[in-house]
Protein backbone atom coordinates (compact mmCIF):
# COMPACT_ATOMS: atom_id res chain seq x y z
CA MET A 1 -8.56 29.99 43.45
CA LYS A 2 -5.05 30.72 45.55
CA CYS A 3 -4.95 34.01 47.11
CA GLU A 4 -1.64 34.76 45.23
CA ILE A 5 -3.38 34.67 42.03
CA ILE A 6 -6.43 36.49 43.17
CA ARG A 7 -4.07 39.43 44.45
CA ASP A 8 -2.24 39.27 41.04
CA LEU A 9 -5.71 40.04 39.31
CA LEU A 10 -6.74 42.60 41.76
CA PRO A 11 -4.93 45.62 40.34
CA SER A 12 -6.61 45.05 37.20
CA TYR A 13 -9.89 44.53 38.95
CA VAL A 14 -9.64 47.75 40.35
CA ASP A 15 -8.98 49.37 36.82
CA GLY A 16 -11.87 47.49 35.45
CA LEU A 17 -9.83 45.55 33.28
CA THR A 18 -10.81 41.89 34.03
CA SER A 19 -13.49 40.10 31.94
CA ARG A 20 -16.85 39.18 33.66
CA GLU A 21 -15.98 35.60 34.48
CA SER A 22 -12.76 36.57 36.17
CA ASP A 23 -14.88 39.57 38.09
CA ARG A 24 -17.17 36.75 39.65
CA ALA A 25 -14.21 34.52 40.43
CA ILE A 26 -12.77 37.43 42.25
CA GLU A 27 -15.63 38.52 44.22
CA GLU A 28 -16.61 34.98 45.14
CA HIS A 29 -12.85 34.73 46.77
CA LEU A 30 -13.24 37.82 48.39
CA LYS A 31 -16.52 36.86 50.19
CA GLU A 32 -14.94 34.10 51.79
CA CYS A 33 -11.11 35.33 52.48
CA ARG A 34 -10.71 38.20 54.84
CA GLU A 35 -6.98 38.74 54.07
CA CYS A 36 -7.64 39.29 50.48
CA ARG A 37 -10.54 41.91 51.22
CA ALA A 38 -8.23 43.82 53.29
CA TYR A 39 -5.67 43.78 50.43
CA LEU A 40 -7.92 44.94 48.32
CA ASP A 41 -9.15 47.85 50.58
CA GLU A 42 -5.55 49.04 51.28
CA MET A 43 -5.06 48.96 47.48
CA LYS A 44 -8.10 51.15 46.89
CA GLN A 45 -6.65 53.75 49.34
CA GLU A 46 -3.36 53.83 48.11
CA VAL A 47 -3.40 53.58 44.44
CA GLN A 48 -6.85 55.66 43.04
CA LYS A 49 -9.32 57.96 43.57
CA PRO A 50 -13.06 57.32 42.33
CA GLU A 51 -12.90 59.85 39.40
CA MET A 52 -9.40 58.06 38.19
CA THR A 53 -11.29 54.59 37.83
CA GLU A 54 -14.09 55.81 36.16
CA ALA A 55 -11.75 57.70 33.58
CA ASN A 56 -9.64 54.53 33.11
CA LYS A 57 -12.90 52.45 32.51
CA LYS A 58 -13.91 54.91 30.01
CA ALA A 59 -10.43 54.66 28.16
CA ILE A 60 -10.27 51.18 27.58
CA ARG A 61 -14.14 50.57 26.81
CA PRO A 62 -13.30 50.98 23.28
CA PHE A 63 -10.62 48.32 23.43
CA LYS A 64 -12.69 45.75 25.30
CA LYS A 65 -15.34 46.27 22.25
CA VAL A 66 -12.52 45.68 19.99
CA LYS A 67 -11.61 42.63 21.71
CA ARG A 68 -15.06 41.21 21.54
CA ILE A 69 -15.30 41.79 17.93
CA ILE A 70 -12.07 40.17 17.34
CA TRP A 71 -12.98 37.00 19.21
CA LYS A 72 -16.18 36.86 17.60
CA ALA A 73 -14.63 36.95 13.97
CA VAL A 74 -12.40 34.29 15.06
CA GLY A 75 -15.18 32.16 16.23
CA LEU A 76 -17.02 32.68 12.86
CA THR A 77 -14.04 31.92 10.95
CA VAL A 78 -13.73 28.60 12.85
CA LEU A 79 -17.32 27.69 12.44
CA ILE A 80 -17.29 28.39 8.95
CA CYS A 81 -13.85 26.39 8.22
CA ALA A 82 -15.62 23.34 10.20
CA LEU A 83 -18.60 23.46 8.01
CA ILE A 84 -16.90 23.78 4.82
CA PHE A 85 -14.53 20.80 5.81
CA GLY A 86 -17.47 18.64 7.03
CA GLY A 87 -19.31 19.62 3.93
CA LEU A 88 -16.35 18.35 1.83
CA SER A 89 -15.76 15.09 3.59
CA TYR A 90 -19.14 14.21 3.22
CA TYR A 91 -19.41 15.03 -0.34
CA TYR A 92 -16.10 13.41 -1.42
CA GLY A 93 -16.63 10.41 0.90
CA LYS A 94 -20.23 9.43 -0.05
CA SER A 95 -20.10 6.49 -2.41
CA TRP A 96 -23.18 4.84 -4.33
CA ASN A 97 -23.97 2.05 -6.51
CA VAL A 98 -23.02 3.12 -9.86
CA LYS A 99 -25.35 2.93 -12.82
CA SER A 100 -24.57 0.47 -15.67
CA GLY A 101 -24.54 3.45 -18.29
CA ASP A 102 -21.75 5.32 -16.56
CA VAL A 103 -19.42 2.14 -16.79
CA ASN A 104 -17.28 0.79 -19.68
CA LEU A 105 -16.79 -2.98 -18.98
CA SER A 106 -13.92 -5.00 -20.95
CA LYS A 107 -12.54 -8.41 -20.54
CA GLU A 108 -8.63 -8.98 -20.90
CA TYR A 109 -7.25 -12.32 -21.48
CA VAL A 110 -3.80 -13.15 -20.53
CA GLY A 111 -3.31 -16.73 -20.96
CA LYS A 112 -6.03 -18.60 -18.77
CA ILE A 113 -6.40 -15.57 -16.60
CA VAL A 114 -9.28 -13.35 -17.22
CA THR A 115 -9.34 -9.60 -15.95
CA ILE A 116 -12.59 -7.69 -15.91
CA LYS A 117 -11.96 -3.91 -15.76
CA PHE A 118 -15.01 -1.32 -14.73
CA ALA A 119 -13.71 1.80 -16.10
CA PRO A 120 -15.71 5.19 -15.36
CA LYS A 121 -17.05 7.20 -18.13
CA ASP A 122 -16.90 10.14 -15.95
CA LYS A 123 -13.06 11.41 -15.12
CA ASN A 124 -14.28 12.71 -11.80
CA ILE A 125 -15.08 9.64 -9.83
CA ARG A 126 -13.31 6.37 -8.90
CA LEU A 127 -14.90 2.90 -8.83
CA TYR A 128 -14.86 -0.15 -6.41
CA ALA A 129 -15.76 -3.71 -6.85
CA GLU A 130 -16.95 -5.17 -3.74
CA THR A 131 -17.60 -8.78 -3.23
CA GLU A 132 -20.31 -10.24 -1.45
CA PRO A 133 -19.54 -11.88 1.95
CA GLY A 134 -19.50 -15.65 1.23
CA ASP A 135 -20.02 -15.37 -2.42
CA THR A 136 -17.10 -14.22 -4.85
CA ASN A 137 -19.45 -14.51 -7.57
CA VAL A 138 -21.37 -11.62 -6.65
CA ILE A 139 -20.05 -8.00 -6.74
CA THR A 140 -21.15 -4.69 -6.50
CA VAL A 141 -19.74 -1.78 -8.48
CA ARG A 142 -19.91 1.18 -6.51
CA ALA A 143 -18.43 4.84 -7.19
CA SER A 144 -17.18 7.82 -5.03
CA ARG A 145 -16.10 11.16 -6.07
CA ILE A 146 -12.31 11.94 -6.69
CA ASN A 147 -11.25 14.72 -4.08
CA PRO A 148 -9.37 17.35 -6.36
CA LEU A 149 -6.83 17.73 -3.29
CA ASN A 150 -5.89 14.04 -3.36
CA LYS A 151 -6.02 12.81 -6.91
CA SER A 152 -5.25 9.13 -7.61
CA ASN A 153 -4.33 7.43 -11.01
CA HIS A 154 -6.18 4.23 -10.08
CA ARG A 155 -9.88 5.04 -11.14
CA ASN A 156 -10.81 1.72 -12.57
CA ALA A 157 -12.07 -1.50 -10.49
CA TYR A 158 -11.13 -4.98 -11.37
CA CYS A 159 -12.06 -8.56 -10.73
CA GLY A 160 -10.47 -11.66 -12.16
CA TYR A 161 -10.60 -15.38 -12.47
CA THR A 162 -7.64 -18.29 -13.14
CA PHE A 163 -8.90 -21.09 -14.83
CA ILE A 164 -7.09 -24.63 -15.13
CA ASP A 165 -9.23 -25.77 -18.15
CA GLU A 166 -12.59 -25.12 -19.67
CA GLU A 167 -14.24 -26.91 -16.57
CA THR A 168 -12.37 -25.77 -13.69
CA VAL A 169 -11.50 -22.44 -11.99
CA LEU A 170 -9.16 -21.72 -8.99
CA THR A 171 -11.02 -20.29 -6.09
CA PRO A 172 -9.10 -17.17 -3.91
CA GLU A 173 -7.80 -20.04 -1.71
CA GLY A 174 -6.15 -21.53 -4.43
CA LYS A 175 -8.58 -24.54 -4.51
CA ALA A 176 -9.80 -26.20 -7.93
CA GLU A 177 -13.36 -26.09 -8.50
CA GLN A 178 -15.63 -27.40 -11.23
CA ILE A 179 -17.98 -25.02 -13.10
CA SER A 180 -20.95 -25.82 -15.10
CA GLU A 181 -23.31 -23.88 -17.50
CA ASP A 182 -25.10 -22.49 -14.88
CA ASP A 183 -22.24 -20.69 -12.81
CA VAL A 184 -22.10 -16.75 -13.56
CA LEU A 185 -20.71 -13.88 -12.40
CA ARG A 186 -23.56 -11.71 -10.87
CA ILE A 187 -22.76 -7.68 -11.17
CA GLU A 188 -24.87 -5.50 -9.33
CA TYR A 189 -25.39 -1.91 -10.67
CA GLY A 190 -27.43 0.87 -9.36
CA ASP A 191 -30.08 0.33 -12.16
CA LYS A 192 -29.59 -3.49 -13.11
CA THR A 193 -28.06 -6.74 -12.46
CA GLU A 194 -25.80 -8.19 -15.39
CA GLU A 195 -24.61 -11.88 -15.76
CA LEU A 196 -21.39 -13.02 -17.15
CA SER A 197 -21.09 -16.91 -17.80
CA LEU A 198 -18.10 -18.51 -16.14
CA LYS A 199 -18.01 -21.28 -18.63
CA GLU A 200 -17.90 -18.98 -21.64
CA MET A 201 -14.99 -17.23 -20.10
CA ALA A 202 -13.38 -20.48 -19.36
CA GLU A 203 -13.78 -21.69 -23.13
CA GLU A 204 -12.51 -18.08 -24.18
CA ALA A 205 -9.27 -18.48 -21.82
CA CYS A 206 -8.39 -21.80 -22.81
CA ARG A 207 -8.90 -21.17 -26.38
CA GLU A 208 -5.63 -20.67 -28.56
CA LYS A 209 -5.25 -16.82 -29.14
CA LEU A 210 -3.37 -14.68 -31.54
CA ALA A 211 -0.41 -12.96 -29.62
CA SER A 212 -0.01 -9.19 -28.85
CA SER A 213 2.75 -7.55 -31.08
CA GLU A 214 3.89 -5.62 -27.99
CA ASP A 215 4.55 -9.29 -26.29
CA VAL A 216 6.91 -10.28 -29.49
CA GLU A 217 10.25 -9.58 -30.66
CA MET A 218 10.84 -9.94 -34.43
CA THR A 219 14.53 -10.55 -35.74
CA TYR A 220 16.06 -11.24 -39.00
CA ASN A 221 19.05 -13.80 -39.18
CA LYS A 222 20.99 -14.31 -42.43
CA MET A 223 22.60 -17.71 -42.90
CA GLU A 224 25.50 -19.02 -45.24
CA ASN A 225 23.24 -21.33 -47.28
CA GLY A 226 21.34 -18.50 -48.53
CA MET A 227 18.51 -18.61 -45.93
CA VAL A 228 16.88 -15.69 -44.28
CA SER A 229 15.13 -16.77 -41.21
CA ILE A 230 12.45 -14.77 -39.40
CA ASP A 231 12.51 -15.20 -35.35
CA PHE A 232 9.65 -14.41 -33.28
CA GLN A 233 10.67 -14.44 -29.70
CA PRO A 234 8.40 -13.70 -26.49
CA LYS A 235 8.98 -11.05 -24.29
CA LEU A 236 6.94 -12.21 -21.23
CA MET A 237 7.93 -14.93 -19.00
CA GLY A 238 5.73 -18.04 -19.11
CA LEU A 239 4.70 -17.28 -22.94
CA THR A 240 5.60 -19.88 -25.57
CA LEU A 241 4.84 -18.78 -29.24
CA THR A 242 3.88 -20.92 -32.23
CA ALA A 243 3.24 -20.05 -35.78
CA GLU A 244 0.22 -21.32 -37.81
CA LYS A 245 0.49 -21.17 -41.58
CA LYS A 246 -2.49 -19.98 -43.25
CA GLY A 247 -1.20 -19.58 -46.97
CA GLU A 248 1.89 -19.37 -49.09
CA TYR A 249 3.19 -16.19 -47.56
CA GLU A 250 0.68 -15.72 -44.39
CA ILE A 251 1.26 -16.81 -40.86
CA GLU A 252 -0.66 -16.33 -37.33
CA ILE A 253 1.50 -16.01 -34.28
CA ILE A 254 -0.22 -17.96 -31.74
CA GLU A 255 0.46 -17.59 -27.86
CA HIS A 256 0.57 -20.29 -25.28
CA TYR A 257 0.73 -19.67 -21.55
CA ASP A 258 2.45 -22.65 -19.16
CA ASP A 259 0.87 -23.27 -16.11
CA THR A 260 3.08 -25.88 -14.85
CA GLY A 261 6.44 -23.95 -15.27
CA ASN A 262 7.76 -26.77 -17.85
CA LEU A 263 8.69 -24.43 -20.42
CA PRO A 264 10.77 -25.54 -23.47
CA ASP A 265 14.27 -24.08 -23.93
CA ASN A 266 13.20 -22.56 -26.91
CA ARG A 267 10.04 -20.82 -26.31
CA GLY A 268 9.86 -18.81 -29.74
CA VAL A 269 9.19 -19.56 -33.35
CA SER A 270 10.95 -19.28 -36.77
CA CYS A 271 10.16 -19.14 -40.55
CA GLY A 272 12.31 -18.56 -43.41
CA TYR A 273 13.14 -18.47 -47.07
CA THR A 274 15.99 -19.95 -49.13
CA PHE A 275 17.20 -17.52 -51.77
CA THR A 276 19.25 -18.40 -54.95
CA ASP A 277 19.83 -14.88 -55.87
CA GLY A 278 18.14 -11.74 -55.55
CA ASN A 279 15.14 -12.47 -57.68
CA THR A 280 14.72 -16.20 -56.86
CA ILE A 281 13.53 -18.57 -53.88
CA LEU A 282 13.48 -22.06 -53.31
CA GLY A 283 9.90 -23.22 -52.82
CA ALA A 284 8.66 -26.09 -50.35
CA ASP A 285 9.19 -28.57 -53.25
CA GLY A 286 12.56 -27.40 -53.74
CA GLU A 287 11.85 -25.83 -57.34
CA GLU A 288 12.92 -22.38 -57.97
CA ILE A 289 10.31 -19.76 -58.09
CA LYS A 290 11.15 -16.14 -59.53
CA LEU A 291 9.84 -13.27 -57.63
CA THR A 292 7.56 -10.52 -59.19
CA GLY A 293 8.47 -7.83 -56.35
CA GLN A 294 4.52 -8.33 -55.11
CA GLU A 295 5.07 -11.38 -52.74
CA VAL A 296 4.79 -10.27 -49.07
CA LEU A 297 4.95 -12.29 -46.04
CA THR A 298 1.62 -11.45 -43.93
CA VAL A 299 2.19 -11.80 -40.23
CA LYS A 300 -1.14 -11.72 -37.83
CA TYR A 301 -0.92 -10.67 -34.46
CA ARG A 302 -3.94 -10.08 -32.06
CA ASP A 303 -3.46 -6.42 -32.50
CA LYS A 304 -2.33 -5.82 -35.94
CA THR A 305 -1.07 -7.32 -39.13
CA GLU A 306 2.45 -6.63 -40.35
CA GLU A 307 3.51 -7.01 -44.17
CA ILE A 308 6.95 -8.02 -44.88
CA SER A 309 8.70 -7.89 -48.60
CA ILE A 310 9.86 -11.07 -49.78
CA LYS A 311 11.78 -9.01 -52.55
CA LYS A 312 13.21 -6.87 -49.83
CA LEU A 313 14.45 -9.96 -48.10
CA ALA A 314 16.13 -11.49 -51.05
CA GLU A 315 17.81 -8.22 -51.87
CA GLU A 316 19.38 -7.90 -48.37
CA ASN A 317 20.32 -11.43 -48.61
CA ALA A 318 22.22 -10.98 -51.72
CA GLN A 319 24.15 -8.02 -50.11
């Protein structure tokens, strides 16, 4: 330690205000430095008497005790905070293989794309679907606790497949791969393993399906020849609609997803009735049919069934 620093500390050293570590550093320097020893001797002769030094030591002793208590309290606080932070980090950072009973599994089909969703039953945990290295058909469903200080809306885990047809699936690299009856998606839980048939999912994905009412816009068009047309137009890109007649007054709205991009100009579908007056419609054979007021057109979607009064359509057409 330099002499200038030692000499700056000597007044406090003489008054007994320096710490034990500082005292040792000063005394070790004084053993080797004759000039600083002489400087100290002169300071003792000029400044204080022995009784004054002792009085000062007694006066500052309570303050030194307070200082030690404060430092101990600060150190204890820092230690407690570190333990709490470390404990919380471990608690909320730990993950485990979730049990099957704690998960709701569902499959959603959009065209030929199948999305498998794993939703936790406990609102305080989040799920992850981890793919086994080298085998995308094996996944492990894991869970971790949600940190209340960093809440996320993404609690569910997902995995999915895109099928070209009932025997072909697209790999994550975009290559077409044949599937057989033996190909399965293996789901590893903490308590068991579950298998889903890729073949069955492909067949379901490629099967014609009813459209969701949320994806369809229905409108009415009144024409001059007395005909009222009910139009169904898709709201989603890549979606085409058709209608399958199930009875005189019943239709199903079918969705079709195009994988090639060659969409028709008109992607919607229509059905209609020709009214001669407010109580009469023309049948498919051109014969007039008197309305009783009980006739309804039933439109079936995937998520609901809608009923449209034929009599009401006739009255609106007559206005």
